[in-house]
C-alpha atoms as a PDB file:
ATOM      1  CA  MET A   1     -12.619 -12.050 -13.260  1.00  0.00           C
ATOM      2  CA  THR A   2     -13.833  -9.877 -15.926  1.00  0.00           C
ATOM      3  CA  THR A   3     -17.580  -9.770 -16.950  1.00  0.00           C
ATOM      4  CA  GLN A   4     -18.896  -9.860 -20.419  1.00  0.00           C
ATOM      5  CA  PRO A   5     -20.967  -7.524 -21.342  1.00  0.00           C
ATOM      6  CA  PRO A   6     -24.772  -8.481 -21.650  1.00  0.00           C
ATOM      7  CA  PRO A   7     -25.491  -9.603 -25.265  1.00  0.00           C
ATOM      8  CA  SER A   8     -27.372  -7.061 -27.282  1.00  0.00           C
ATOM      9  CA  PRO A   9     -31.212  -7.944 -27.863  1.00  0.00           C
ATOM     10  CA  LEU A  10     -31.933  -9.192 -31.197  1.00  0.00           C
ATOM     11  CA  PRO A  11     -33.492  -6.741 -33.656  1.00  0.00           C
ATOM     12  CA  SER A  12     -37.196  -6.713 -33.281  1.00  0.00           C
ATOM     13  CA  LEU A  13     -39.784  -6.221 -35.841  1.00  0.00           C
ATOM     14  CA  ARG A  14     -40.497  -2.504 -35.245  1.00  0.00           C
ATOM     15  CA  ASP A  15     -36.489  -2.360 -35.557  1.00  0.00           C
ATOM     16  CA  LEU A  16     -37.055  -3.273 -39.441  1.00  0.00           C
ATOM     17  CA  ARG A  17     -40.057  -1.432 -39.720  1.00  0.00           C
ATOM     18  CA  ARG A  18     -38.036   1.574 -39.288  1.00  0.00           C
ATOM     19  CA  LEU A  19     -35.774   0.857 -41.975  1.00  0.00           C
ATOM     20  CA  THR A  20     -38.148  -0.073 -44.933  1.00  0.00           C
ATOM     21  CA  PRO A  21     -41.979   1.200 -46.293  1.00  0.00           C
ATOM     22  CA  ALA A  22     -42.533  -2.597 -46.779  1.00  0.00           C
ATOM     23  CA  ARG A  23     -45.438  -4.057 -45.115  1.00  0.00           C
ATOM     24  CA  VAL A  24     -43.935  -6.290 -42.200  1.00  0.00           C
ATOM     25  CA  GLY A  25     -44.559  -7.120 -38.653  1.00  0.00           C
ATOM     26  CA  LEU A  26     -48.372  -5.313 -38.856  1.00  0.00           C
ATOM     27  CA  GLY A  27     -49.753  -7.575 -36.228  1.00  0.00           C
ATOM     28  CA  ARG A  28     -53.078  -8.723 -36.112  1.00  0.00           C
ATOM     29  CA  ALA A  29     -56.751  -8.373 -34.395  1.00  0.00           C
ATOM     30  CA  GLY A  30     -58.189 -12.038 -34.364  1.00  0.00           C
ATOM     31  CA  GLY A  31     -57.715 -13.406 -37.755  1.00  0.00           C
ATOM     32  CA  SER A  32     -57.675  -9.825 -39.459  1.00  0.00           C
ATOM     33  CA  LEU A  33     -55.293  -7.101 -39.446  1.00  0.00           C
ATOM     34  CA  PRO A  34     -55.308  -4.112 -36.937  1.00  0.00           C
ATOM     35  CA  THR A  35     -57.673  -1.601 -37.968  1.00  0.00           C
ATOM     36  CA  GLN A  36     -55.000   1.074 -38.310  1.00  0.00           C
ATOM     37  CA  ALA A  37     -53.125  -1.078 -40.778  1.00  0.00           C
ATOM     38  CA  LEU A  38     -55.988  -1.612 -42.458  1.00  0.00           C
ATOM     39  CA  LEU A  39     -56.802   1.667 -42.930  1.00  0.00           C
ATOM     40  CA  ASP A  40     -52.984   2.801 -44.391  1.00  0.00           C
ATOM     41  CA  PHE A  41     -53.576  -0.307 -46.897  1.00  0.00           C
ATOM     42  CA  THR A  42     -56.853   1.258 -48.412  1.00  0.00           C
ATOM     43  CA  LEU A  43     -55.124   4.883 -48.488  1.00  0.00           C
ATOM     44  CA  ASP A  44     -52.012   3.845 -49.978  1.00  0.00           C
ATOM     45  CA  HIS A  45     -54.219   1.798 -52.629  1.00  0.00           C
ATOM     46  CA  ALA A  46     -56.312   4.569 -53.416  1.00  0.00           C
ATOM     47  CA  ARG A  47     -53.291   6.909 -53.944  1.00  0.00           C
ATOM     48  CA  ALA A  48     -51.857   4.282 -56.439  1.00  0.00           C
ATOM     49  CA  ARG A  49     -55.251   4.360 -58.303  1.00  0.00           C
ATOM     50  CA  ASP A  50     -55.406   7.746 -58.412  1.00  0.00           C
ATOM     51  CA  ALA A  51     -51.995   8.092 -59.868  1.00  0.00           C
ATOM     52  CA  VAL A  52     -52.988   6.043 -62.806  1.00  0.00           C
ATOM     53  CA  HIS A  53     -56.285   8.314 -63.701  1.00  0.00           C
ATOM     54  CA  SER A  54     -54.946  11.164 -62.635  1.00  0.00           C
ATOM     55  CA  ALA A  55     -55.537  13.998 -65.444  1.00  0.00           C
ATOM     56  CA  PHE A  56     -51.806  14.427 -67.486  1.00  0.00           C
ATOM     57  CA  ASP A  57     -50.943  18.663 -67.928  1.00  0.00           C
ATOM     58  CA  SER A  58     -49.837  18.179 -71.085  1.00  0.00           C
ATOM     59  CA  GLU A  59     -50.003  21.984 -72.194  1.00  0.00           C
ATOM     60  CA  ARG A  60     -48.776  23.177 -69.113  1.00  0.00           C
ATOM     61  CA  LEU A  61     -45.704  20.933 -69.934  1.00  0.00           C
ATOM     62  CA  ALA A  62     -45.443  21.702 -73.183  1.00  0.00           C
ATOM     63  CA  ALA A  63     -45.576  25.558 -72.150  1.00  0.00           C
ATOM     64  CA  GLU A  64     -42.821  25.322 -69.329  1.00  0.00           C
ATOM     65  CA  LEU A  65     -40.310  23.382 -71.436  1.00  0.00           C
ATOM     66  CA  SER A  66     -40.587  26.066 -74.210  1.00  0.00           C
ATOM     67  CA  ALA A  67     -40.301  28.684 -71.519  1.00  0.00           C
ATOM     68  CA  LEU A  68     -36.428  26.411 -71.133  1.00  0.00           C
ATOM     69  CA  GLY A  69     -35.692  27.182 -74.944  1.00  0.00           C
ATOM     70  CA  LEU A  70     -37.062  24.109 -76.076  1.00  0.00           C
ATOM     71  CA  ALA A  71     -38.943  23.417 -79.479  1.00  0.00           C
ATOM     72  CA  SER A  72     -42.280  21.473 -77.729  1.00  0.00           C
ATOM     73  CA  CYS A  73     -45.158  19.773 -79.259  1.00  0.00           C
ATOM     74  CA  GLU A  74     -47.837  17.511 -78.018  1.00  0.00           C
ATOM     75  CA  VAL A  75     -48.674  14.441 -79.775  1.00  0.00           C
ATOM     76  CA  SER A  76     -50.616  11.347 -78.891  1.00  0.00           C
ATOM     77  CA  SER A  77     -51.098   7.526 -79.246  1.00  0.00           C
ATOM     78  CA  ARG A  78     -53.657   5.563 -80.807  1.00  0.00           C
ATOM     79  CA  VAL A  79     -55.471   4.942 -77.527  1.00  0.00           C
ATOM     80  CA  ARG A  80     -58.537   6.944 -77.015  1.00  0.00           C
ATOM     81  CA  GLY A  81     -59.302   7.492 -73.005  1.00  0.00           C
ATOM     82  CA  ARG A  82     -57.783   5.693 -70.484  1.00  0.00           C
ATOM     83  CA  HIS A  83     -59.579   2.501 -70.384  1.00  0.00           C
ATOM     84  CA  ASP A  84     -58.337   2.191 -73.710  1.00  0.00           C
ATOM     85  CA  TYR A  85     -54.851   2.661 -72.754  1.00  0.00           C
ATOM     86  CA  LEU A  86     -55.041   0.074 -69.824  1.00  0.00           C
ATOM     87  CA  VAL A  87     -56.302  -2.767 -71.815  1.00  0.00           C
ATOM     88  CA  ARG A  88     -54.678  -2.107 -75.095  1.00  0.00           C
ATOM     89  CA  PRO A  89     -50.911  -1.660 -74.574  1.00  0.00           C
ATOM     90  CA  ASP A  90     -50.071  -1.780 -77.900  1.00  0.00           C
ATOM     91  CA  LEU A  91     -51.879   0.958 -78.934  1.00  0.00           C
ATOM     92  CA  GLY A  92     -49.929   3.369 -76.473  1.00  0.00           C
ATOM     93  CA  ARG A  93     -46.334   2.051 -78.885  1.00  0.00           C
ATOM     94  CA  GLN A  94     -48.079   3.783 -81.747  1.00  0.00           C
ATOM     95  CA  LEU A  95     -48.670   7.382 -82.719  1.00  0.00           C
ATOM     96  CA  ASP A  96     -51.769   8.439 -84.073  1.00  0.00           C
ATOM     97  CA  PRO A  97     -51.746   9.686 -87.673  1.00  0.00           C
ATOM     98  CA  ALA A  98     -52.169  13.699 -86.594  1.00  0.00           C
ATOM     99  CA  SER A  99     -49.078  13.335 -84.413  1.00  0.00           C
ATOM    100  CA  ARG A 100     -46.979  11.937 -87.061  1.00  0.00           C
ATOM    101  CA  ASP A 101     -47.875  15.307 -89.204  1.00  0.00           C
ATOM    102  CA  VAL A 102     -46.812  17.257 -86.113  1.00  0.00           C
ATOM    103  CA  LEU A 103     -43.718  15.410 -85.667  1.00  0.00           C
ATOM    104  CA  ALA A 104     -42.742  16.123 -89.667  1.00  0.00           C
ATOM    105  CA  ALA A 105     -42.937  19.983 -89.108  1.00  0.00           C
ATOM    106  CA  PHE A 106     -40.233  19.386 -86.391  1.00  0.00           C
ATOM    107  CA  GLY A 107     -37.898  17.488 -88.679  1.00  0.00           C
ATOM    108  CA  GLY A 108     -34.291  17.579 -89.049  1.00  0.00           C
ATOM    109  CA  ALA A 109     -31.323  15.401 -87.654  1.00  0.00           C
ATOM    110  CA  CYS A 110     -30.406  15.815 -84.005  1.00  0.00           C
ATOM    111  CA  ASP A 111     -28.234  13.770 -81.141  1.00  0.00           C
ATOM    112  CA  LEU A 112     -31.026  13.629 -78.770  1.00  0.00           C
ATOM    113  CA  ALA A 113     -34.849  13.341 -79.140  1.00  0.00           C
ATOM    114  CA  LEU A 114     -36.979  13.916 -76.055  1.00  0.00           C
ATOM    115  CA  MET A 115     -40.333  12.631 -74.848  1.00  0.00           C
ATOM    116  CA  VAL A 116     -42.414  13.461 -71.798  1.00  0.00           C
ATOM    117  CA  GLY A 117     -44.927  11.056 -71.780  1.00  0.00           C
ATOM    118  CA  ASP A 118     -48.087  10.537 -69.230  1.00  0.00           C
ATOM    119  CA  GLY A 119     -47.491   6.519 -68.573  1.00  0.00           C
ATOM    120  CA  LEU A 120     -48.997   4.863 -66.057  1.00  0.00           C
ATOM    121  CA  SER A 121     -48.347   7.625 -63.102  1.00  0.00           C
ATOM    122  CA  PRO A 122     -49.144  11.171 -64.767  1.00  0.00           C
ATOM    123  CA  THR A 123     -49.057  12.454 -61.539  1.00  0.00           C
ATOM    124  CA  ALA A 124     -45.442  11.653 -61.625  1.00  0.00           C
ATOM    125  CA  VAL A 125     -44.584  13.591 -64.705  1.00  0.00           C
ATOM    126  CA  ASN A 126     -46.506  16.164 -64.001  1.00  0.00           C
ATOM    127  CA  ALA A 127     -44.635  17.085 -60.771  1.00  0.00           C
ATOM    128  CA  ARG A 128     -41.068  16.172 -61.726  1.00  0.00           C
ATOM    129  CA  ALA A 129     -40.061  16.046 -65.808  1.00  0.00           C
ATOM    130  CA  VAL A 130     -39.863  19.979 -65.682  1.00  0.00           C
ATOM    131  CA  GLU A 131     -37.340  19.954 -62.876  1.00  0.00           C
ATOM    132  CA  VAL A 132     -35.381  16.994 -64.276  1.00  0.00           C
ATOM    133  CA  VAL A 133     -34.861  18.226 -67.936  1.00  0.00           C
ATOM    134  CA  ARG A 134     -34.236  21.428 -66.429  1.00  0.00           C
ATOM    135  CA  ALA A 135     -31.257  20.341 -64.089  1.00  0.00           C
ATOM    136  CA  LEU A 136     -30.028  17.557 -67.576  1.00  0.00           C
ATOM    137  CA  LEU A 137     -29.906  20.469 -70.010  1.00  0.00           C
ATOM    138  CA  PRO A 138     -26.201  21.967 -68.847  1.00  0.00           C
ATOM    139  CA  ARG A 139     -24.903  18.152 -68.668  1.00  0.00           C
ATOM    140  CA  LEU A 140     -25.698  17.756 -72.303  1.00  0.00           C
ATOM    141  CA  ALA A 141     -24.357  21.319 -73.126  1.00  0.00           C
ATOM    142  CA  ALA A 142     -21.232  20.826 -71.540  1.00  0.00           C
ATOM    143  CA  ALA A 143     -20.873  17.582 -73.291  1.00  0.00           C
ATOM    144  CA  GLN A 144     -21.847  19.442 -76.909  1.00  0.00           C
ATOM    145  CA  ILE A 145     -24.905  17.082 -77.064  1.00  0.00           C
ATOM    146  CA  ARG A 146     -28.170  18.675 -79.086  1.00  0.00           C
ATOM    147  CA  LEU A 147     -31.139  18.256 -78.060  1.00  0.00           C
ATOM    148  CA  GLY A 148     -33.823  18.197 -80.386  1.00  0.00           C
ATOM    149  CA  ALA A 149     -37.626  18.522 -80.086  1.00  0.00           C
ATOM    150  CA  VAL A 150     -39.533  17.432 -77.142  1.00  0.00           C
ATOM    151  CA  ALA A 151     -42.581  15.706 -78.035  1.00  0.00           C
ATOM    152  CA  VAL A 152     -45.369  15.509 -74.913  1.00  0.00           C
ATOM    153  CA  ALA A 153     -46.914  12.750 -75.418  1.00  0.00           C
ATOM    154  CA  THR A 154     -50.717  11.457 -74.006  1.00  0.00           C
ATOM    155  CA  GLY A 155     -51.229   7.858 -74.099  1.00  0.00           C
ATOM    156  CA  ALA A 156     -47.633   6.849 -73.768  1.00  0.00           C
ATOM    157  CA  ARG A 157     -45.860   3.524 -73.263  1.00  0.00           C
ATOM    158  CA  VAL A 158     -42.105   3.732 -73.417  1.00  0.00           C
ATOM    159  CA  ALA A 159     -41.449   2.132 -76.820  1.00  0.00           C
ATOM    160  CA  LEU A 160     -43.394   5.210 -78.560  1.00  0.00           C
ATOM    161  CA  GLY A 161     -40.620   6.853 -78.313  1.00  0.00           C
ATOM    162  CA  ASP A 162     -39.144   4.690 -80.464  1.00  0.00           C
ATOM    163  CA  GLU A 163     -41.255   5.933 -83.370  1.00  0.00           C
ATOM    164  CA  ILE A 164     -40.831   9.817 -82.188  1.00  0.00           C
ATOM    165  CA  GLY A 165     -36.938   9.413 -82.753  1.00  0.00           C
ATOM    166  CA  VAL A 166     -37.419   8.027 -86.142  1.00  0.00           C
ATOM    167  CA  LEU A 167     -39.376  10.947 -86.885  1.00  0.00           C
ATOM    168  CA  LEU A 168     -37.206  13.468 -85.235  1.00  0.00           C
ATOM    169  CA  GLY A 169     -34.198  12.050 -86.943  1.00  0.00           C
ATOM    170  CA  ALA A 170     -32.778  11.470 -83.832  1.00  0.00           C
ATOM    171  CA  ARG A 171     -29.808   9.533 -82.729  1.00  0.00           C
ATOM    172  CA  MET A 172     -30.964   8.405 -79.890  1.00  0.00           C
ATOM    173  CA  VAL A 173     -34.135   9.146 -77.732  1.00  0.00           C
ATOM    174  CA  LEU A 174     -34.989   9.854 -74.119  1.00  0.00           C
ATOM    175  CA  VAL A 175     -38.424   8.808 -72.482  1.00  0.00           C
ATOM    176  CA  LEU A 176     -39.712  10.424 -69.177  1.00  0.00           C
ATOM    177  CA  ILE A 177     -42.633   8.568 -68.181  1.00  0.00           C
ATOM    178  CA  GLY A 178     -44.507   7.668 -65.081  1.00  0.00           C
ATOM    179  CA  GLU A 179     -43.859   4.237 -63.871  1.00  0.00           C
ATOM    180  CA  ARG A 180     -46.506   2.040 -62.352  1.00  0.00           C
ATOM    181  CA  PRO A 181     -47.658   2.990 -58.950  1.00  0.00           C
ATOM    182  CA  GLY A 182     -46.538   0.989 -55.695  1.00  0.00           C
ATOM    183  CA  MET A 183     -48.112   1.085 -52.780  1.00  0.00           C
ATOM    184  CA  SER A 184     -45.162   3.197 -51.217  1.00  0.00           C
ATOM    185  CA  ALA A 185     -44.392   5.309 -54.221  1.00  0.00           C
ATOM    186  CA  PRO A 186     -47.668   6.341 -56.415  1.00  0.00           C
ATOM    187  CA  ALA A 187     -45.977   9.276 -58.072  1.00  0.00           C
ATOM    188  CA  SER A 188     -42.647   7.930 -59.568  1.00  0.00           C
ATOM    189  CA  MET A 189     -41.129   8.562 -62.784  1.00  0.00           C
ATOM    190  CA  GLY A 190     -38.678   6.587 -64.966  1.00  0.00           C
ATOM    191  CA  ALA A 191     -36.049   7.710 -67.684  1.00  0.00           C
ATOM    192  CA  TYR A 192     -35.783   5.399 -70.663  1.00  0.00           C
ATOM    193  CA  LEU A 193     -32.774   5.881 -72.747  1.00  0.00           C
ATOM    194  CA  THR A 194     -32.460   3.903 -76.606  1.00  0.00           C
ATOM    195  CA  PHE A 195     -30.023   4.704 -79.122  1.00  0.00           C
ATOM    196  CA  GLY A 196     -30.440   4.267 -82.731  1.00  0.00           C
ATOM    197  CA  PRO A 197     -34.515   4.015 -81.820  1.00  0.00           C
ATOM    198  CA  ARG A 198     -36.526   2.373 -83.947  1.00  0.00           C
ATOM    199  CA  PRO A 199     -40.182   0.613 -83.878  1.00  0.00           C
ATOM    200  CA  GLY A 200     -39.554  -3.129 -82.459  1.00  0.00           C
ATOM    201  CA  LEU A 201     -36.744  -2.630 -80.263  1.00  0.00           C
ATOM    202  CA  THR A 202     -36.983  -4.345 -76.985  1.00  0.00           C
ATOM    203  CA  ASP A 203     -36.414  -2.986 -73.437  1.00  0.00           C
ATOM    204  CA  ALA A 204     -33.026  -4.882 -73.661  1.00  0.00           C
ATOM    205  CA  GLU A 205     -31.804  -2.119 -76.195  1.00  0.00           C
ATOM    206  CA  ARG A 206     -32.762   0.643 -73.259  1.00  0.00           C
ATOM    207  CA  ASN A 207     -31.325   1.764 -70.395  1.00  0.00           C
ATOM    208  CA  CYS A 208     -33.423   2.768 -67.564  1.00  0.00           C
ATOM    209  CA  VAL A 209     -33.153   5.523 -64.616  1.00  0.00           C
ATOM    210  CA  SER A 210     -35.821   3.792 -62.202  1.00  0.00           C
ATOM    211  CA  ASN A 211     -37.710   5.223 -58.523  1.00  0.00           C
ATOM    212  CA  ILE A 212     -37.372   9.304 -59.566  1.00  0.00           C
ATOM    213  CA  HIS A 213     -39.482  10.550 -56.617  1.00  0.00           C
ATOM    214  CA  ALA A 214     -39.745  11.791 -53.405  1.00  0.00           C
ATOM    215  CA  ALA A 215     -38.487   9.070 -51.346  1.00  0.00           C
ATOM    216  CA  GLY A 216     -36.156   8.002 -54.228  1.00  0.00           C
ATOM    217  CA  ILE A 217     -33.700   9.338 -56.622  1.00  0.00           C
ATOM    218  CA  SER A 218     -33.716  13.259 -56.497  1.00  0.00           C
ATOM    219  CA  ASN A 219     -34.386  15.061 -59.508  1.00  0.00           C
ATOM    220  CA  ASP A 220     -30.640  16.540 -59.481  1.00  0.00           C
ATOM    221  CA  GLU A 221     -29.571  12.950 -59.106  1.00  0.00           C
ATOM    222  CA  ALA A 222     -31.663  11.821 -61.897  1.00  0.00           C
ATOM    223  CA  ALA A 223     -30.200  14.481 -64.189  1.00  0.00           C
ATOM    224  CA  PHE A 224     -26.890  13.325 -63.126  1.00  0.00           C
ATOM    225  CA  LYS A 225     -27.180   9.652 -64.175  1.00  0.00           C
ATOM    226  CA  ILE A 226     -29.255   9.960 -67.372  1.00  0.00           C
ATOM    227  CA  GLY A 227     -26.598  12.494 -68.672  1.00  0.00           C
ATOM    228  CA  TRP A 228     -23.750  10.119 -67.814  1.00  0.00           C
ATOM    229  CA  LEU A 229     -25.272   7.241 -69.676  1.00  0.00           C
ATOM    230  CA  VAL A 230     -26.043   9.650 -72.506  1.00  0.00           C
ATOM    231  CA  ARG A 231     -22.641  10.852 -72.762  1.00  0.00           C
ATOM    232  CA  GLU A 232     -21.798   7.200 -72.368  1.00  0.00           C
ATOM    233  CA  SER A 233     -24.228   5.884 -74.927  1.00  0.00           C
ATOM    234  CA  PHE A 234     -22.811   8.301 -77.915  1.00  0.00           C
ATOM    235  CA  ALA A 235     -19.396   7.265 -77.054  1.00  0.00           C
ATOM    236  CA  ARG A 236     -19.509   3.338 -77.266  1.00  0.00           C
ATOM    237  CA  GLN A 237     -22.559   3.369 -79.487  1.00  0.00           C
ATOM    238  CA  ILE A 238     -24.751   1.345 -77.430  1.00  0.00           C
ATOM    239  CA  SER A 239     -27.257   1.371 -74.943  1.00  0.00           C
ATOM    240  CA  GLY A 240     -29.192  -1.244 -72.770  1.00  0.00           C
ATOM    241  CA  VAL A 241     -27.850  -4.472 -71.339  1.00  0.00           C
ATOM    242  CA  ALA A 242     -24.186  -3.679 -73.619  1.00  0.00           C
ATOM    243  CA  LEU A 243     -24.108  -0.384 -71.329  1.00  0.00           C
ATOM    244  CA  LYS A 244     -23.317  -0.389 -67.590  1.00  0.00           C
ATOM    245  CA  ASP A 245     -24.205   2.077 -65.401  1.00  0.00           C
ATOM    246  CA  ASP A 246     -21.111   3.163 -63.612  1.00  0.00           C
ATOM    247  CA  SER A 247     -22.334   6.603 -62.987  1.00  0.00           C
ATOM    248  CA  ALA A 248     -21.847   6.121 -59.136  1.00  0.00           C
ATOM    249  CA  LEU A 249     -17.962   5.559 -59.829  1.00  0.00           C
ATOM    250  CA  GLN A 250     -17.638   9.487 -60.943  1.00  0.00           C
ATOM    251  CA  GLY A 251     -18.484  12.476 -59.306  1.00  0.00           C
ATOM    252  CA  PRO A 252     -21.670  14.193 -59.802  1.00  0.00           C
ATOM    253  CA  ASP A 253     -19.423  17.213 -61.658  1.00  0.00           C
ATOM    254  CA  ALA A 254     -17.664  14.394 -64.068  1.00  0.00           C
ATOM    255  CA  ALA A 255     -18.136  15.734 -67.461  1.00  0.00           C
ATOM    256  CA  THR A 256     -16.974  13.782 -70.147  1.00  0.00           C
ATOM    257  CA  PRO A 257     -17.094  15.263 -73.709  1.00  0.00           C
ATOM    258  CA  LEU A 258     -18.872  13.610 -76.650  1.00  0.00           C
ATOM    259  CA  VAL A 259     -16.007  11.755 -78.691  1.00  0.00           C
ATOM    260  CA  GLU A 260     -17.897  10.832 -81.886  1.00  0.00           C
ATOM    261  CA  ARG A 261     -20.001  12.700 -83.563  1.00  0.00           C
ATOM    262  CA  ARG A 262     -21.559  12.508 -87.166  1.00  0.00           C
END
């Protein structure tokens, strides 16, 4: 007579908590959360708020990008202060007049313009933008994509890159910007790519590489995905919902040359 092995125990909430940073199975103390769970929540909430209001080190970023051999300049949107930025997102999508004059000095057609903006987490951009660009540059060079000037933008929303792209005569704009902080990821950066930038475009015309942070997408992985999307966008003359990110189907060393230029 054969004996059946005992059934495996059902997964517990403790097992689930090991698989996700989400707040599950926190328990309770009477009608409230346990003290430790409440303290953890309060700390994560404070970190998220700090990330939103942290200082944007635009001067250092511009200097380090220049050290990579890139022509960089500092620009600003029309917002005046962080409170203005949070309550008037429309102003974060428009350059102030002085910045337009600054960008005019960097005129000249290019394949790709780059905007590095503070967004909703300057902390993330301060920590990651330069390293992502450093890892991206060899991929752009291998695909013969000319990177034009880099605008380090304060008070920036994603769509500010569209106006910058037009002023720099770019066929495509890449925006590196701080993402809205989450309770488990206060310092996350996103990358947005738009082919044929112009004011008035919607996010449907953009591709996004999101969750670039310590527990998410690494700097090197982000550079690989961005490089793949840039190459494919130029080759197909599209971006946004029409361009699917199939970079995972290729190895990280795959290089597709730019097949159409003008």
